[in-house]
Protein backbone atom coordinates (compact mmCIF):
# COMPACT_ATOMS: atom_id res chain seq x y z
CA UNK A 1 13.90 17.50 -2.18
CA UNK A 2 15.85 15.91 0.66
CA UNK A 3 17.97 12.85 -0.04
CA UNK A 4 15.68 10.79 2.21
CA UNK A 5 12.67 11.78 0.13
CA UNK A 6 14.57 11.17 -3.09
CA UNK A 7 15.61 7.68 -1.94
CA UNK A 8 12.03 6.87 -0.95
CA UNK A 9 10.57 8.19 -4.21
CA UNK A 10 13.01 6.27 -6.42
CA UNK A 11 12.54 3.01 -4.51
CA UNK A 12 8.73 3.28 -4.54
CA UNK A 13 8.77 3.93 -8.30
CA UNK A 14 11.18 1.07 -9.03
CA UNK A 15 9.88 -1.64 -6.70
CA UNK A 16 6.35 -0.78 -5.43
CA UNK A 17 7.36 -2.13 -2.01
CA UNK A 18 4.95 -3.58 0.51
CA UNK A 19 7.10 -1.98 3.23
CA UNK A 20 9.64 0.82 2.99
CA UNK A 21 11.44 2.69 5.74
CA UNK A 22 14.20 5.17 4.93
CA UNK A 23 16.04 6.35 8.02
CA UNK A 24 18.57 9.18 8.04
CA UNK A 25 21.35 8.12 10.42
CA UNK A 26 23.63 11.07 9.62
CA UNK A 27 23.27 12.61 13.08
CA UNK A 28 24.82 9.50 14.63
CA UNK A 29 27.91 10.00 12.44
CA UNK A 30 28.47 13.75 12.83
CA UNK A 31 32.17 14.53 12.83
CA UNK A 32 33.13 11.06 11.60
CA UNK A 33 34.75 10.21 8.28
CA UNK A 34 32.32 10.73 5.45
CA UNK A 35 30.27 13.36 7.27
CA UNK A 36 30.02 16.18 4.74
CA UNK A 37 28.14 18.48 7.11
CA UNK A 38 24.93 18.29 5.07
CA UNK A 39 23.14 16.06 7.56
CA UNK A 40 22.35 13.72 4.66
CA UNK A 41 25.32 11.40 4.34
CA UNK A 42 24.34 8.16 6.15
CA UNK A 43 21.11 6.22 5.51
CA UNK A 44 19.48 2.93 6.40
CA UNK A 45 16.81 1.41 4.15
CA UNK A 46 14.49 -1.40 5.17
CA UNK A 47 12.41 -2.60 2.24
CA UNK A 48 10.14 -5.55 1.57
CA UNK A 49 9.21 -5.81 -2.10
CA UNK A 50 7.87 -8.74 -4.15
CA UNK A 51 10.04 -7.50 -7.04
CA UNK A 52 13.10 -8.62 -5.04
CA UNK A 53 11.82 -12.16 -4.45
CA UNK A 54 14.12 -14.86 -5.73
CA UNK A 55 17.10 -12.52 -6.04
CA UNK A 56 20.35 -13.19 -4.25
CA UNK A 57 21.48 -10.69 -1.63
CA UNK A 58 24.02 -9.22 -4.05
CA UNK A 59 21.41 -8.96 -6.83
CA UNK A 60 18.98 -7.15 -4.47
CA UNK A 61 21.69 -4.65 -3.49
CA UNK A 62 22.65 -4.08 -7.12
CA UNK A 63 19.00 -3.53 -8.06
CA UNK A 64 18.59 -0.91 -5.32
CA UNK A 65 21.79 0.88 -6.33
CA UNK A 66 20.66 0.88 -9.97
CA UNK A 67 17.26 2.31 -8.99
CA UNK A 68 18.89 5.07 -6.93
CA UNK A 69 21.30 5.95 -9.71
CA UNK A 70 25.00 6.78 -9.67
CA UNK A 71 24.52 10.45 -8.84
CA UNK A 72 22.58 9.74 -5.65
CA UNK A 73 24.64 6.75 -4.50
CA UNK A 74 27.90 8.66 -4.90
CA UNK A 75 26.46 11.62 -2.94
CA UNK A 76 25.78 9.32 0.03
CA UNK A 77 28.69 8.18 2.18
CA UNK A 78 26.96 5.16 3.76
CA UNK A 79 23.88 3.20 2.72
CA UNK A 80 22.83 0.27 4.90
CA UNK A 81 20.31 -2.06 3.25
CA UNK A 82 17.91 -4.55 4.85
CA UNK A 83 16.10 -6.05 1.85
CA UNK A 84 13.69 -8.94 1.32
CA UNK A 85 11.28 -10.12 -1.32
């Protein structure tokens, strides 16, 4: 399973979002620091989920990182998050 698919699966299971877009931005960072050559090192996530409502920005980010798990978040060099409840 690709990292994009894994990110999407874990976030759907954890938050049942109303909107979820996982974009692989790795191609835009080819040859830059953090590019491991896999083509799966830089991601942007836009998610709207009622489960995030009422959480601070930091709490939302922590919840997403927890849902993705340490193994996946450490395998990714950059994860940009646009989150709302």
